[in-house]
Amino acid sequence: MTVSTGGDLSVQTHSNNLDHASLGQLTSRMSEQVSRLVHEEFALAQLEAKQKAKRLGVGFGMFGVGGALAFFAGGVLVAAAVLGLATAMPAWLAAVIVGVALLLLAAIVALIGKKRVAKGGPPVPTDAIESTKADVAAVRQAVKR
């Protein structure tokens, strides 16, 4: 019998002739199955950690984009101040409007990035931990019989 654990992982179980198996055979099977189970749980934990790390990377990237936009907005605002002082003409007003628009855009992107970082972190494989706890409970139940 094969039991699916999700994804590409599956666990082989043997239910035939367990009533007539010796203690050595049962111990050998249990050792093999526990070893396989630990290996598959570790693989599941790695996969989950990679997915969470990828989400964190996207969030931090959006923080970077927000910072770059804020940098350009600062440059535009500096240019607006220079134009305003140099000519006292309406051209500086256009530069101020562009600068403020860039700052608003930077704030929006930074907030979206912050939400993504909060949603993705911390990179702890919680699903794998819960699955491992369930496996340990099942083994304890089997040993108690």
C-alpha atoms as a PDB file:
ATOM      1  CA  MET A   1       0.000   0.000   0.000  1.00  0.00           C
ATOM      2  CA  THR A   2       1.243   3.508  -0.848  1.00  0.00           C
ATOM      3  CA  VAL A   3       0.169   6.549   1.159  1.00  0.00           C
ATOM      4  CA  SER A   4       0.600   9.959  -0.462  1.00  0.00           C
ATOM      5  CA  THR A   5       2.061  12.767   1.672  1.00  0.00           C
ATOM      6  CA  GLY A   6       1.448  15.493  -0.893  1.00  0.00           C
ATOM      7  CA  GLY A   7       3.695  16.654  -3.712  1.00  0.00           C
ATOM      8  CA  ASP A   8       6.081  14.003  -5.022  1.00  0.00           C
ATOM      9  CA  LEU A   9       6.519  12.216  -1.703  1.00  0.00           C
ATOM     10  CA  SER A  10       4.868   8.905  -0.800  1.00  0.00           C
ATOM     11  CA  VAL A  11       5.339   6.371   1.970  1.00  0.00           C
ATOM     12  CA  GLN A  12       5.274   2.630   1.397  1.00  0.00           C
ATOM     13  CA  THR A  13       3.423   0.642   4.041  1.00  0.00           C
ATOM     14  CA  HIS A  14       3.335  -3.126   4.369  1.00  0.00           C
ATOM     15  CA  SER A  15       0.252  -4.576   6.007  1.00  0.00           C
ATOM     16  CA  ASN A  16       0.527  -8.166   4.857  1.00  0.00           C
ATOM     17  CA  ASN A  17       1.816 -10.866   7.251  1.00  0.00           C
ATOM     18  CA  LEU A  18       2.488  -8.439  10.111  1.00  0.00           C
ATOM     19  CA  ASP A  19       0.720 -10.777  12.531  1.00  0.00           C
ATOM     20  CA  HIS A  20       3.277 -13.544  11.779  1.00  0.00           C
ATOM     21  CA  ALA A  21       6.414 -11.363  11.556  1.00  0.00           C
ATOM     22  CA  SER A  22       9.150 -11.783  14.134  1.00  0.00           C
ATOM     23  CA  LEU A  23      10.214  -9.006  16.480  1.00  0.00           C
ATOM     24  CA  GLY A  24      13.424  -8.601  14.464  1.00  0.00           C
ATOM     25  CA  GLN A  25      11.492  -8.232  11.212  1.00  0.00           C
ATOM     26  CA  LEU A  26       9.098  -5.731  12.758  1.00  0.00           C
ATOM     27  CA  THR A  27      11.993  -3.738  14.228  1.00  0.00           C
ATOM     28  CA  SER A  28      13.771  -3.756  10.872  1.00  0.00           C
ATOM     29  CA  ARG A  29      10.638  -2.537   9.067  1.00  0.00           C
ATOM     30  CA  MET A  30      10.036   0.139  11.665  1.00  0.00           C
ATOM     31  CA  SER A  31      13.619   1.341  11.431  1.00  0.00           C
ATOM     32  CA  GLU A  32      13.426   1.492   7.642  1.00  0.00           C
ATOM     33  CA  GLN A  33      10.092   3.313   7.670  1.00  0.00           C
ATOM     34  CA  VAL A  34      11.147   5.810  10.352  1.00  0.00           C
ATOM     35  CA  SER A  35      14.334   6.538   8.424  1.00  0.00           C
ATOM     36  CA  ARG A  36      12.368   7.099   5.212  1.00  0.00           C
ATOM     37  CA  LEU A  37       9.820   9.203   7.080  1.00  0.00           C
ATOM     38  CA  VAL A  38      12.494  11.438   8.593  1.00  0.00           C
ATOM     39  CA  HIS A  39      14.118  11.882   5.180  1.00  0.00           C
ATOM     40  CA  GLU A  40      10.805  12.796   3.529  1.00  0.00           C
ATOM     41  CA  GLU A  41       9.857  15.193   6.336  1.00  0.00           C
ATOM     42  CA  PHE A  42      13.233  16.906   5.929  1.00  0.00           C
ATOM     43  CA  ALA A  43      12.629  17.235   2.172  1.00  0.00           C
ATOM     44  CA  LEU A  44       9.192  18.710   2.871  1.00  0.00           C
ATOM     45  CA  ALA A  45      10.679  21.199   5.340  1.00  0.00           C
ATOM     46  CA  GLN A  46      13.290  22.274   2.769  1.00  0.00           C
ATOM     47  CA  LEU A  47      10.634  22.815   0.105  1.00  0.00           C
ATOM     48  CA  GLU A  48       8.475  24.868   2.466  1.00  0.00           C
ATOM     49  CA  ALA A  49      11.444  26.998   3.596  1.00  0.00           C
ATOM     50  CA  LYS A  50      12.375  27.702  -0.049  1.00  0.00           C
ATOM     51  CA  GLN A  51       8.845  28.864  -0.846  1.00  0.00           C
ATOM     52  CA  LYS A  52       8.769  31.213   2.145  1.00  0.00           C
ATOM     53  CA  ALA A  53      12.226  32.568   1.330  1.00  0.00           C
ATOM     54  CA  LYS A  54      11.067  33.320  -2.216  1.00  0.00           C
ATOM     55  CA  ARG A  55       8.113  35.356  -0.871  1.00  0.00           C
ATOM     56  CA  LEU A  56      10.465  37.259   1.418  1.00  0.00           C
ATOM     57  CA  GLY A  57      12.761  38.006  -1.531  1.00  0.00           C
ATOM     58  CA  VAL A  58       9.893  39.512  -3.526  1.00  0.00           C
ATOM     59  CA  GLY A  59       8.890  41.678  -0.563  1.00  0.00           C
ATOM     60  CA  PHE A  60      12.436  42.931  -0.019  1.00  0.00           C
ATOM     61  CA  GLY A  61      12.726  43.624  -3.754  1.00  0.00           C
ATOM     62  CA  MET A  62       9.643  45.803  -3.590  1.00  0.00           C
ATOM     63  CA  PHE A  63      11.191  47.656  -0.630  1.00  0.00           C
ATOM     64  CA  GLY A  64      14.192  48.294  -2.882  1.00  0.00           C
ATOM     65  CA  VAL A  65      11.986  49.619  -5.691  1.00  0.00           C
ATOM     66  CA  GLY A  66      10.269  51.934  -3.203  1.00  0.00           C
ATOM     67  CA  GLY A  67      13.675  53.207  -2.064  1.00  0.00           C
ATOM     68  CA  ALA A  68      14.807  53.818  -5.641  1.00  0.00           C
ATOM     69  CA  LEU A  69      11.631  55.752  -6.425  1.00  0.00           C
ATOM     70  CA  ALA A  70      12.111  57.829  -3.280  1.00  0.00           C
ATOM     71  CA  PHE A  71      15.694  58.564  -4.379  1.00  0.00           C
ATOM     72  CA  PHE A  72      14.497  59.839  -7.770  1.00  0.00           C
ATOM     73  CA  ALA A  73      11.735  61.851  -6.084  1.00  0.00           C
ATOM     74  CA  GLY A  74      14.358  63.494  -3.906  1.00  0.00           C
ATOM     75  CA  GLY A  75      16.321  64.418  -7.030  1.00  0.00           C
ATOM     76  CA  VAL A  76      13.244  65.907  -8.660  1.00  0.00           C
ATOM     77  CA  LEU A  77      12.425  67.883  -5.515  1.00  0.00           C
ATOM     78  CA  VAL A  78      15.960  69.235  -5.426  1.00  0.00           C
ATOM     79  CA  ALA A  79      15.630  70.246  -9.074  1.00  0.00           C
ATOM     80  CA  ALA A  80      12.299  71.893  -8.224  1.00  0.00           C
ATOM     81  CA  ALA A  81      13.901  73.906  -5.459  1.00  0.00           C
ATOM     82  CA  VAL A  82      16.668  75.025  -7.805  1.00  0.00           C
ATOM     83  CA  LEU A  83      14.220  75.984 -10.538  1.00  0.00           C
ATOM     84  CA  GLY A  84      12.011  77.791  -8.041  1.00  0.00           C
ATOM     85  CA  LEU A  85      14.846  79.840  -6.684  1.00  0.00           C
ATOM     86  CA  ALA A  86      16.447  80.524 -10.054  1.00  0.00           C
ATOM     87  CA  THR A  87      13.476  81.683 -12.031  1.00  0.00           C
ATOM     88  CA  ALA A  88      10.461  82.023  -9.745  1.00  0.00           C
ATOM     89  CA  MET A  89       8.469  80.777 -12.710  1.00  0.00           C
ATOM     90  CA  PRO A  90       5.702  78.129 -12.805  1.00  0.00           C
ATOM     91  CA  ALA A  91       8.182  75.481 -14.052  1.00  0.00           C
ATOM     92  CA  TRP A  92       9.107  74.700 -10.456  1.00  0.00           C
ATOM     93  CA  LEU A  93       5.480  73.903  -9.677  1.00  0.00           C
ATOM     94  CA  ALA A  94       5.519  71.163 -12.297  1.00  0.00           C
ATOM     95  CA  ALA A  95       8.687  69.748 -10.781  1.00  0.00           C
ATOM     96  CA  VAL A  96       7.103  69.783  -7.292  1.00  0.00           C
ATOM     97  CA  ILE A  97       4.042  67.938  -8.593  1.00  0.00           C
ATOM     98  CA  VAL A  98       6.219  65.277 -10.232  1.00  0.00           C
ATOM     99  CA  GLY A  99       8.298  64.926  -7.059  1.00  0.00           C
ATOM    100  CA  VAL A 100       5.251  64.531  -4.830  1.00  0.00           C
ATOM    101  CA  ALA A 101       3.755  61.989  -7.255  1.00  0.00           C
ATOM    102  CA  LEU A 102       6.986  59.954  -7.142  1.00  0.00           C
ATOM    103  CA  LEU A 103       6.992  60.063  -3.333  1.00  0.00           C
ATOM    104  CA  LEU A 104       3.389  58.823  -3.242  1.00  0.00           C
ATOM    105  CA  LEU A 105       4.261  56.016  -5.651  1.00  0.00           C
ATOM    106  CA  ALA A 106       7.295  55.104  -3.528  1.00  0.00           C
ATOM    107  CA  ALA A 107       5.123  54.964  -0.409  1.00  0.00           C
ATOM    108  CA  ILE A 108       2.576  52.700  -2.089  1.00  0.00           C
ATOM    109  CA  VAL A 109       5.227  50.277  -3.367  1.00  0.00           C
ATOM    110  CA  ALA A 110       6.961  50.226   0.038  1.00  0.00           C
ATOM    111  CA  LEU A 111       3.675  49.441   1.810  1.00  0.00           C
ATOM    112  CA  ILE A 112       2.928  46.594  -0.591  1.00  0.00           C
ATOM    113  CA  GLY A 113       6.447  45.260  -0.034  1.00  0.00           C
ATOM    114  CA  LYS A 114       6.006  45.492   3.731  1.00  0.00           C
ATOM    115  CA  LYS A 115       2.790  43.463   3.536  1.00  0.00           C
ATOM    116  CA  ARG A 116       4.528  40.787   1.445  1.00  0.00           C
ATOM    117  CA  VAL A 117       7.410  40.541   3.910  1.00  0.00           C
ATOM    118  CA  ALA A 118       4.982  40.250   6.821  1.00  0.00           C
ATOM    119  CA  LYS A 119       3.004  37.578   4.949  1.00  0.00           C
ATOM    120  CA  GLY A 120       6.074  35.528   4.023  1.00  0.00           C
ATOM    121  CA  GLY A 121       8.083  35.538   7.256  1.00  0.00           C
ATOM    122  CA  PRO A 122       9.488  33.974   9.258  1.00  0.00           C
ATOM    123  CA  PRO A 123      10.821  31.189   7.007  1.00  0.00           C
ATOM    124  CA  VAL A 124       9.887  28.395   9.434  1.00  0.00           C
ATOM    125  CA  PRO A 125       8.460  25.229   7.849  1.00  0.00           C
ATOM    126  CA  THR A 126       5.267  25.184   9.955  1.00  0.00           C
ATOM    127  CA  ASP A 127       3.463  22.648   7.761  1.00  0.00           C
ATOM    128  CA  ALA A 128       6.377  20.218   7.980  1.00  0.00           C
ATOM    129  CA  ILE A 129       6.580  20.652  11.759  1.00  0.00           C
ATOM    130  CA  GLU A 130       2.875  19.857  12.138  1.00  0.00           C
ATOM    131  CA  SER A 131       3.234  16.844   9.841  1.00  0.00           C
ATOM    132  CA  THR A 132       6.192  15.586  11.877  1.00  0.00           C
ATOM    133  CA  LYS A 133       4.222  15.964  15.110  1.00  0.00           C
ATOM    134  CA  ALA A 134       1.409  13.920  13.594  1.00  0.00           C
ATOM    135  CA  ASP A 135       3.898  11.240  12.497  1.00  0.00           C
ATOM    136  CA  VAL A 136       5.414  11.054  15.984  1.00  0.00           C
ATOM    137  CA  ALA A 137       1.959  10.704  17.508  1.00  0.00           C
ATOM    138  CA  ALA A 138       1.115   7.890  15.067  1.00  0.00           C
ATOM    139  CA  VAL A 139       4.342   6.028  15.889  1.00  0.00           C
ATOM    140  CA  ARG A 140       3.668   6.400  19.616  1.00  0.00           C
ATOM    141  CA  GLN A 141       0.161   4.990  19.136  1.00  0.00           C
ATOM    142  CA  ALA A 142       1.544   2.047  17.168  1.00  0.00           C
ATOM    143  CA  VAL A 143       4.164   1.318  19.842  1.00  0.00           C
ATOM    144  CA  LYS A 144       1.543   1.379  22.621  1.00  0.00           C
ATOM    145  CA  ARG A 145      -0.414  -1.453  20.964  1.00  0.00           C
END
